[in-house]
N, C-alpha and C. Protein backbone atom coordinates (compact mmCIF):
# COMPACT_ATOMS: atom_id res chain seq x y z
N MET A 1 102.10 -11.70 54.05
CA MET A 1 101.51 -12.96 53.87
C MET A 1 100.80 -13.50 55.06
N ALA A 2 101.41 -13.29 56.20
CA ALA A 2 100.75 -13.72 57.54
C ALA A 2 99.50 -12.99 57.74
N ALA A 3 99.40 -11.66 57.31
CA ALA A 3 98.28 -10.87 57.44
C ALA A 3 97.11 -11.39 56.67
N MET A 4 97.43 -11.81 55.47
CA MET A 4 96.38 -12.37 54.62
C MET A 4 95.85 -13.62 55.18
N ALA A 5 96.72 -14.51 55.72
CA ALA A 5 96.27 -15.79 56.33
C ALA A 5 95.35 -15.51 57.51
N ALA A 6 95.64 -14.43 58.36
CA ALA A 6 94.93 -14.13 59.49
C ALA A 6 93.60 -13.54 59.00
N LEU A 7 93.56 -12.72 58.01
CA LEU A 7 92.30 -12.21 57.54
C LEU A 7 91.45 -13.33 57.02
N GLY A 8 91.91 -14.35 56.28
CA GLY A 8 91.21 -15.48 55.87
C GLY A 8 90.54 -16.27 56.98
N ARG A 9 91.43 -16.53 58.05
CA ARG A 9 90.85 -17.18 59.28
C ARG A 9 89.74 -16.50 59.93
N ARG A 10 89.91 -15.19 59.97
CA ARG A 10 88.81 -14.28 60.63
C ARG A 10 87.60 -14.28 59.81
N LEU A 11 87.69 -14.29 58.44
CA LEU A 11 86.46 -14.34 57.62
C LEU A 11 85.72 -15.69 57.72
N ARG A 12 86.51 -16.73 57.77
CA ARG A 12 85.90 -18.05 57.97
C ARG A 12 85.18 -18.18 59.30
N GLU A 13 85.73 -17.55 60.30
CA GLU A 13 85.10 -17.58 61.61
C GLU A 13 83.75 -16.82 61.62
N LEU A 14 83.83 -15.66 60.92
CA LEU A 14 82.60 -14.85 60.83
C LEU A 14 81.54 -15.52 60.03
N GLY A 15 81.88 -16.22 58.97
CA GLY A 15 80.98 -16.94 58.18
C GLY A 15 80.33 -18.10 58.90
N ARG A 16 81.06 -18.81 59.79
CA ARG A 16 80.47 -19.89 60.54
C ARG A 16 79.48 -19.31 61.55
N GLY A 17 79.88 -18.19 62.22
CA GLY A 17 78.97 -17.60 63.16
C GLY A 17 77.69 -17.07 62.64
N VAL A 18 77.65 -16.50 61.46
CA VAL A 18 76.55 -15.98 60.76
C VAL A 18 75.65 -17.09 60.39
N ARG A 19 76.16 -18.19 59.84
CA ARG A 19 75.33 -19.25 59.37
C ARG A 19 74.60 -19.95 60.59
N GLY A 20 75.20 -19.99 61.72
CA GLY A 20 74.55 -20.65 62.90
C GLY A 20 73.45 -19.77 63.42
N VAL A 21 73.53 -18.46 63.31
CA VAL A 21 72.54 -17.52 63.93
C VAL A 21 71.31 -17.23 63.05
N GLN A 22 71.52 -17.48 61.72
CA GLN A 22 70.42 -17.14 60.75
C GLN A 22 69.14 -17.87 61.00
N THR A 23 68.04 -17.23 60.96
CA THR A 23 66.67 -17.85 61.06
C THR A 23 65.91 -17.34 59.87
N PRO A 24 64.94 -18.13 59.53
CA PRO A 24 64.13 -17.67 58.39
C PRO A 24 63.36 -16.48 58.65
N PRO A 25 63.04 -15.59 57.70
CA PRO A 25 62.34 -14.43 58.04
C PRO A 25 60.88 -14.75 58.39
N ARG A 26 60.37 -13.93 59.27
CA ARG A 26 58.92 -14.14 59.76
C ARG A 26 58.02 -13.23 58.95
N TYR A 27 56.86 -13.69 58.68
CA TYR A 27 55.94 -12.93 57.99
C TYR A 27 54.51 -13.24 58.32
N GLU A 28 53.56 -12.36 58.05
CA GLU A 28 52.15 -12.64 58.32
C GLU A 28 51.34 -12.46 57.00
N GLU A 29 50.42 -13.43 56.74
CA GLU A 29 49.53 -13.19 55.62
C GLU A 29 48.24 -12.45 56.04
N SER A 30 47.91 -11.47 55.16
CA SER A 30 46.72 -10.71 55.53
C SER A 30 45.94 -10.53 54.24
N SER A 31 44.78 -11.17 54.16
CA SER A 31 44.01 -11.03 52.93
C SER A 31 43.24 -9.73 52.86
N ALA A 32 43.06 -9.12 54.08
CA ALA A 32 42.31 -7.81 54.06
C ALA A 32 43.14 -6.71 53.34
N GLU A 33 44.41 -6.70 53.50
CA GLU A 33 45.24 -5.70 52.89
C GLU A 33 45.61 -5.97 51.42
N PHE A 34 45.32 -7.23 50.95
CA PHE A 34 45.68 -7.60 49.57
C PHE A 34 44.87 -6.81 48.60
N GLY A 35 43.76 -6.26 49.04
CA GLY A 35 42.89 -5.42 48.08
C GLY A 35 43.63 -4.20 47.61
N PHE A 36 44.55 -3.63 48.47
CA PHE A 36 45.30 -2.43 48.08
C PHE A 36 46.34 -2.87 47.02
N VAL A 37 46.84 -4.04 47.09
CA VAL A 37 47.86 -4.54 46.18
C VAL A 37 47.14 -4.87 44.85
N GLN A 38 45.92 -5.46 44.92
CA GLN A 38 45.29 -5.97 43.77
C GLN A 38 44.96 -4.79 42.80
N ARG A 39 44.65 -3.69 43.38
CA ARG A 39 44.34 -2.49 42.54
C ARG A 39 45.57 -2.10 41.63
N LEU A 40 46.83 -2.36 42.07
CA LEU A 40 47.90 -1.97 41.36
C LEU A 40 48.42 -3.00 40.34
N LEU A 41 47.88 -4.21 40.44
CA LEU A 41 48.23 -5.27 39.45
C LEU A 41 47.54 -5.01 38.09
N PRO A 42 48.24 -5.33 37.00
CA PRO A 42 47.64 -5.09 35.74
C PRO A 42 46.56 -6.23 35.54
N PRO A 43 45.54 -5.85 34.68
CA PRO A 43 44.52 -6.86 34.47
C PRO A 43 45.10 -8.14 33.76
N SER A 44 44.50 -9.31 34.02
CA SER A 44 45.01 -10.53 33.47
C SER A 44 44.68 -10.74 31.98
N ARG A 45 43.60 -10.00 31.58
CA ARG A 45 43.29 -10.09 30.08
C ARG A 45 42.72 -8.74 29.67
N VAL A 46 42.67 -8.57 28.36
CA VAL A 46 42.07 -7.34 27.77
C VAL A 46 40.55 -7.44 27.82
N PRO A 47 39.79 -6.51 28.40
CA PRO A 47 38.30 -6.66 28.39
C PRO A 47 37.74 -6.56 27.04
N GLU A 48 36.52 -7.05 26.86
CA GLU A 48 35.78 -6.96 25.60
C GLU A 48 35.51 -5.50 25.36
N PRO A 49 35.62 -5.06 24.09
CA PRO A 49 35.33 -3.64 23.75
C PRO A 49 33.83 -3.30 24.01
N PRO A 50 33.61 -2.08 24.41
CA PRO A 50 32.16 -1.73 24.76
C PRO A 50 31.43 -1.53 23.44
N PRO A 51 30.03 -1.73 23.42
CA PRO A 51 29.28 -1.51 22.15
C PRO A 51 29.30 -0.03 21.82
N HIS A 52 29.32 0.24 20.48
CA HIS A 52 29.27 1.60 20.00
C HIS A 52 28.02 1.84 19.23
N PRO A 53 27.62 3.08 19.08
CA PRO A 53 26.35 3.40 18.31
C PRO A 53 26.47 2.99 16.78
N LYS A 54 27.69 3.20 16.22
CA LYS A 54 27.83 2.84 14.86
C LYS A 54 29.22 2.34 14.51
N TYR A 55 29.34 1.59 13.44
CA TYR A 55 30.63 1.04 13.17
C TYR A 55 30.95 1.46 11.76
N PRO A 56 32.22 1.67 11.29
CA PRO A 56 33.38 1.57 12.14
C PRO A 56 33.41 2.81 13.10
N THR A 57 34.18 2.58 14.13
CA THR A 57 34.27 3.65 15.19
C THR A 57 35.16 4.79 14.59
N PRO A 58 35.30 5.89 15.27
CA PRO A 58 36.18 6.93 14.79
C PRO A 58 37.64 6.52 14.52
N SER A 59 38.06 5.41 15.28
CA SER A 59 39.45 5.03 15.11
C SER A 59 39.53 4.03 13.84
N GLY A 60 38.37 3.57 13.31
CA GLY A 60 38.36 2.66 12.15
C GLY A 60 38.11 1.26 12.57
N TRP A 61 37.91 1.01 13.79
CA TRP A 61 37.81 -0.39 14.32
C TRP A 61 36.31 -0.91 14.07
N SER A 62 36.26 -2.18 13.69
CA SER A 62 34.99 -2.81 13.55
C SER A 62 34.97 -4.16 14.16
N PRO A 63 33.92 -4.61 14.85
CA PRO A 63 33.92 -5.98 15.39
C PRO A 63 33.72 -7.03 14.33
N PRO A 64 34.03 -8.27 14.63
CA PRO A 64 33.74 -9.28 13.70
C PRO A 64 32.21 -9.45 13.41
N ALA A 65 31.89 -9.78 12.17
CA ALA A 65 30.42 -9.95 11.82
C ALA A 65 29.96 -11.30 12.14
N GLY A 66 29.32 -11.47 13.33
CA GLY A 66 28.72 -12.77 13.68
C GLY A 66 29.72 -13.82 13.92
N PRO A 67 29.22 -15.11 13.78
CA PRO A 67 30.14 -16.24 14.01
C PRO A 67 31.18 -16.28 12.91
N PRO A 68 32.33 -17.03 13.14
CA PRO A 68 33.37 -17.14 12.12
C PRO A 68 32.79 -17.87 10.91
N PRO A 69 33.32 -17.53 9.71
CA PRO A 69 32.80 -18.13 8.46
C PRO A 69 33.30 -19.58 8.34
N ASP A 70 32.51 -20.34 7.63
CA ASP A 70 32.96 -21.72 7.43
C ASP A 70 33.88 -21.84 6.29
N LEU A 71 35.21 -21.57 6.55
CA LEU A 71 36.24 -21.62 5.54
C LEU A 71 37.34 -22.56 5.90
N PRO A 72 38.23 -23.01 5.07
CA PRO A 72 39.33 -23.91 5.49
C PRO A 72 40.34 -23.20 6.26
N TYR A 73 40.24 -21.93 6.43
CA TYR A 73 41.26 -21.07 7.15
C TYR A 73 40.53 -20.07 8.02
N SER A 74 41.36 -19.65 9.02
CA SER A 74 40.75 -18.58 9.83
C SER A 74 41.85 -17.61 10.18
N VAL A 75 41.47 -16.30 10.41
CA VAL A 75 42.42 -15.28 10.82
C VAL A 75 42.00 -14.75 12.15
N ARG A 76 42.66 -15.08 13.19
CA ARG A 76 42.34 -14.59 14.52
C ARG A 76 42.87 -13.26 14.80
N ARG A 77 42.01 -12.50 15.51
CA ARG A 77 42.39 -11.10 15.86
C ARG A 77 43.54 -11.04 16.92
N SER A 78 44.09 -9.88 17.07
CA SER A 78 45.19 -9.75 18.09
C SER A 78 44.60 -9.63 19.40
N ARG A 79 45.33 -9.58 20.46
CA ARG A 79 44.80 -9.66 21.80
C ARG A 79 44.08 -8.33 22.12
N LEU A 80 44.32 -7.26 21.32
CA LEU A 80 43.63 -6.05 21.42
C LEU A 80 42.38 -5.92 20.49
N HIS A 81 41.94 -7.05 19.92
CA HIS A 81 40.80 -7.17 19.09
C HIS A 81 41.02 -6.47 17.72
N ASN A 82 42.26 -6.32 17.30
CA ASN A 82 42.43 -5.69 15.96
C ASN A 82 42.78 -6.74 14.97
N LEU A 83 42.57 -6.53 13.70
CA LEU A 83 42.94 -7.33 12.59
C LEU A 83 44.48 -7.45 12.47
N PRO A 84 45.12 -8.57 12.27
CA PRO A 84 46.48 -8.70 12.30
C PRO A 84 47.14 -8.29 10.92
N VAL A 85 46.87 -7.10 10.46
CA VAL A 85 47.37 -6.66 9.17
C VAL A 85 48.43 -5.64 9.47
N TYR A 86 49.72 -5.79 9.02
CA TYR A 86 50.75 -4.91 9.30
C TYR A 86 51.43 -4.41 7.96
N GLU A 87 51.75 -3.19 7.90
CA GLU A 87 52.47 -2.65 6.83
C GLU A 87 53.81 -2.19 7.18
N GLY A 88 54.77 -2.38 6.34
CA GLY A 88 56.27 -2.04 6.66
C GLY A 88 57.03 -1.99 5.52
N GLN A 89 58.32 -1.84 5.70
CA GLN A 89 59.35 -1.92 4.58
C GLN A 89 60.42 -2.79 4.98
N ARG A 90 60.92 -3.50 4.00
CA ARG A 90 62.15 -4.42 4.20
C ARG A 90 63.03 -4.15 2.93
N GLN A 91 64.25 -3.73 3.10
CA GLN A 91 65.21 -3.53 2.03
C GLN A 91 64.65 -2.63 1.02
N GLY A 92 63.92 -1.53 1.40
CA GLY A 92 63.36 -0.57 0.54
C GLY A 92 62.11 -1.03 -0.12
N ARG A 93 61.56 -2.12 0.17
CA ARG A 93 60.34 -2.60 -0.62
C ARG A 93 59.16 -2.52 0.50
N ARG A 94 58.09 -2.06 -0.01
CA ARG A 94 56.91 -1.95 0.72
C ARG A 94 56.28 -3.33 0.87
N LEU A 95 55.84 -3.66 2.13
CA LEU A 95 55.35 -5.01 2.31
C LEU A 95 54.02 -4.89 3.22
N THR A 96 53.17 -5.82 2.96
CA THR A 96 51.95 -5.93 3.96
C THR A 96 51.97 -7.35 4.42
N GLU A 97 51.86 -7.48 5.67
CA GLU A 97 51.91 -8.88 6.28
C GLU A 97 50.57 -9.13 7.03
N LEU A 98 50.10 -10.33 6.79
CA LEU A 98 48.91 -10.78 7.50
C LEU A 98 49.47 -11.99 8.41
N ARG A 99 49.13 -11.83 9.66
CA ARG A 99 49.59 -12.80 10.68
C ARG A 99 48.43 -13.55 11.26
N ARG A 100 48.74 -14.46 12.12
CA ARG A 100 47.77 -15.26 12.97
C ARG A 100 46.76 -16.03 12.11
N ILE A 101 47.31 -16.62 11.01
CA ILE A 101 46.47 -17.45 10.12
C ILE A 101 46.51 -18.87 10.62
N HIS A 102 45.35 -19.51 10.68
CA HIS A 102 45.23 -20.88 11.11
C HIS A 102 44.54 -21.62 9.97
N GLY A 103 44.89 -22.92 9.81
CA GLY A 103 44.28 -23.68 8.69
C GLY A 103 45.04 -23.69 7.47
N ASP A 104 44.30 -23.83 6.38
CA ASP A 104 44.82 -23.90 4.98
C ASP A 104 45.33 -22.50 4.49
N ILE A 105 46.55 -22.23 4.74
CA ILE A 105 47.10 -20.84 4.41
C ILE A 105 47.20 -20.69 2.83
N TRP A 106 47.34 -21.80 2.13
CA TRP A 106 47.37 -21.69 0.77
C TRP A 106 46.00 -21.32 0.07
N ALA A 107 44.95 -21.83 0.65
CA ALA A 107 43.66 -21.43 0.23
C ALA A 107 43.39 -19.96 0.47
N LEU A 108 43.91 -19.45 1.57
CA LEU A 108 43.72 -18.00 1.87
C LEU A 108 44.55 -17.22 0.82
N GLU A 109 45.75 -17.71 0.46
CA GLU A 109 46.48 -16.98 -0.50
C GLU A 109 45.79 -16.95 -1.85
N ARG A 110 45.12 -18.06 -2.29
CA ARG A 110 44.42 -18.15 -3.57
C ARG A 110 43.26 -17.16 -3.52
N ASP A 111 42.52 -17.12 -2.38
CA ASP A 111 41.26 -16.19 -2.28
C ASP A 111 41.82 -14.71 -2.29
N LEU A 112 42.97 -14.42 -1.62
CA LEU A 112 43.47 -13.12 -1.58
C LEU A 112 43.90 -12.66 -3.00
N ARG A 113 44.55 -13.57 -3.74
CA ARG A 113 45.00 -13.18 -5.03
C ARG A 113 43.81 -12.97 -6.00
N ALA A 114 42.75 -13.72 -5.83
CA ALA A 114 41.52 -13.49 -6.61
C ALA A 114 40.90 -12.17 -6.23
N PHE A 115 40.90 -11.80 -4.97
CA PHE A 115 40.34 -10.53 -4.57
C PHE A 115 41.19 -9.41 -5.18
N LEU A 116 42.56 -9.42 -5.07
CA LEU A 116 43.31 -8.38 -5.63
C LEU A 116 43.19 -8.31 -7.13
N GLY A 117 43.01 -9.48 -7.79
CA GLY A 117 42.87 -9.51 -9.16
C GLY A 117 41.51 -8.78 -9.64
N SER A 118 40.45 -8.92 -8.72
CA SER A 118 39.16 -8.26 -9.04
C SER A 118 39.33 -6.75 -8.87
N LEU A 119 40.30 -6.29 -8.14
CA LEU A 119 40.47 -4.83 -8.05
C LEU A 119 41.28 -4.32 -9.24
N GLY A 120 41.64 -5.19 -10.17
CA GLY A 120 42.45 -4.80 -11.34
C GLY A 120 43.92 -4.72 -11.13
N VAL A 121 44.39 -5.34 -10.09
CA VAL A 121 45.85 -5.35 -9.65
C VAL A 121 46.43 -6.46 -10.39
N PRO A 122 47.62 -6.22 -11.07
CA PRO A 122 48.27 -7.32 -11.78
C PRO A 122 48.85 -8.30 -10.66
N GLU A 123 49.38 -9.37 -11.05
CA GLU A 123 49.90 -10.41 -10.13
C GLU A 123 50.78 -9.82 -9.08
N VAL A 124 50.49 -10.12 -7.82
CA VAL A 124 51.17 -9.55 -6.68
C VAL A 124 52.04 -10.62 -6.12
N ALA A 125 53.34 -10.27 -5.87
CA ALA A 125 54.28 -11.27 -5.25
C ALA A 125 53.87 -11.61 -3.83
N ALA A 126 53.74 -12.86 -3.51
CA ALA A 126 53.29 -13.23 -2.19
C ALA A 126 54.28 -14.28 -1.54
N GLN A 127 54.44 -14.21 -0.24
CA GLN A 127 55.33 -15.21 0.38
C GLN A 127 54.51 -15.79 1.50
N VAL A 128 54.42 -17.11 1.46
CA VAL A 128 53.65 -17.88 2.49
C VAL A 128 54.57 -18.51 3.44
N ASN A 129 54.38 -18.35 4.78
CA ASN A 129 55.22 -19.03 5.78
C ASN A 129 54.26 -19.90 6.59
N GLU A 130 54.25 -21.20 6.40
CA GLU A 130 53.37 -22.13 7.05
C GLU A 130 53.70 -22.26 8.55
N VAL A 131 55.02 -22.20 8.85
CA VAL A 131 55.47 -22.40 10.19
C VAL A 131 54.99 -21.31 11.17
N THR A 132 55.10 -20.09 10.67
CA THR A 132 54.74 -18.93 11.59
C THR A 132 53.23 -18.45 11.29
N GLY A 133 52.65 -19.05 10.24
CA GLY A 133 51.25 -18.67 9.94
C GLY A 133 51.10 -17.19 9.47
N THR A 134 52.04 -16.78 8.61
CA THR A 134 52.00 -15.49 8.08
C THR A 134 51.98 -15.50 6.53
N LEU A 135 51.43 -14.45 5.92
CA LEU A 135 51.38 -14.21 4.57
C LEU A 135 51.88 -12.86 4.25
N ARG A 136 52.93 -12.72 3.41
CA ARG A 136 53.52 -11.44 3.12
C ARG A 136 53.28 -11.06 1.68
N LEU A 137 52.78 -9.89 1.40
CA LEU A 137 52.51 -9.39 0.04
C LEU A 137 53.43 -8.28 -0.21
N ARG A 138 53.82 -8.09 -1.41
CA ARG A 138 54.65 -6.93 -1.87
C ARG A 138 53.65 -5.84 -2.16
N GLY A 139 53.88 -4.65 -1.61
CA GLY A 139 53.05 -3.47 -1.70
C GLY A 139 52.31 -3.14 -0.48
N HIS A 140 51.73 -2.01 -0.38
CA HIS A 140 50.98 -1.63 0.80
C HIS A 140 49.49 -1.90 0.47
N TRP A 141 48.90 -2.93 1.01
CA TRP A 141 47.50 -3.31 0.74
C TRP A 141 46.74 -3.32 2.05
N GLY A 142 47.23 -2.67 3.07
CA GLY A 142 46.59 -2.73 4.41
C GLY A 142 45.05 -2.40 4.35
N PRO A 143 44.59 -1.18 3.85
CA PRO A 143 43.15 -0.85 3.86
C PRO A 143 42.38 -1.83 3.09
N GLN A 144 42.81 -2.28 1.99
CA GLN A 144 41.97 -3.27 1.15
C GLN A 144 41.98 -4.54 1.78
N LEU A 145 43.01 -5.00 2.40
CA LEU A 145 43.08 -6.27 3.07
C LEU A 145 42.16 -6.31 4.28
N ARG A 146 42.18 -5.23 5.03
CA ARG A 146 41.33 -5.12 6.25
C ARG A 146 39.85 -5.12 5.82
N ARG A 147 39.47 -4.38 4.83
CA ARG A 147 38.13 -4.34 4.30
C ARG A 147 37.70 -5.76 3.81
N TRP A 148 38.59 -6.47 3.14
CA TRP A 148 38.17 -7.78 2.60
C TRP A 148 37.96 -8.77 3.77
N LEU A 149 38.96 -8.67 4.85
CA LEU A 149 38.79 -9.55 6.01
C LEU A 149 37.44 -9.29 6.75
N LEU A 150 37.15 -8.08 6.88
CA LEU A 150 35.80 -7.68 7.56
C LEU A 150 34.66 -8.20 6.76
N HIS A 151 34.76 -8.04 5.39
CA HIS A 151 33.66 -8.47 4.55
C HIS A 151 33.49 -10.03 4.61
N ARG A 152 34.60 -10.70 4.83
CA ARG A 152 34.65 -12.21 4.91
C ARG A 152 34.11 -12.68 6.31
N GLY A 153 34.03 -11.78 7.27
CA GLY A 153 33.48 -12.11 8.57
C GLY A 153 34.55 -12.26 9.64
N PHE A 154 35.75 -11.89 9.42
CA PHE A 154 36.74 -11.93 10.45
C PHE A 154 36.85 -10.69 11.22
């Protein structure tokens, strides 16, 4: 017990001594050498895609056609300039999800149902989420949906 008390006293003394001696670290700023660091930093934004001789590119990407259309809704592209159409499965069901919708999401759903109806597709189950700005359709409609969005000017 006495050994523990002595150890505690010794640690307290060391702690007091270290606190009194500490000084803030010294450093120098050098803007000339920051160029070497700047090369290693990731870019702050994704650059605009370069122009191509013809569209769609071999990967299937196409730019938006001119200014955005005058509609009550808009679909913004992802940060990598792709259309936000995603296909997946949930509980064994195939789903297609359209994200980044702004404006009247219900008008978009009506227009999309009319488009799918023109393809001869029977009524498609759709789920609208106004809070997250997403529209989920039952079935894999990715290529058709991307083609329709490009045709609309998104």
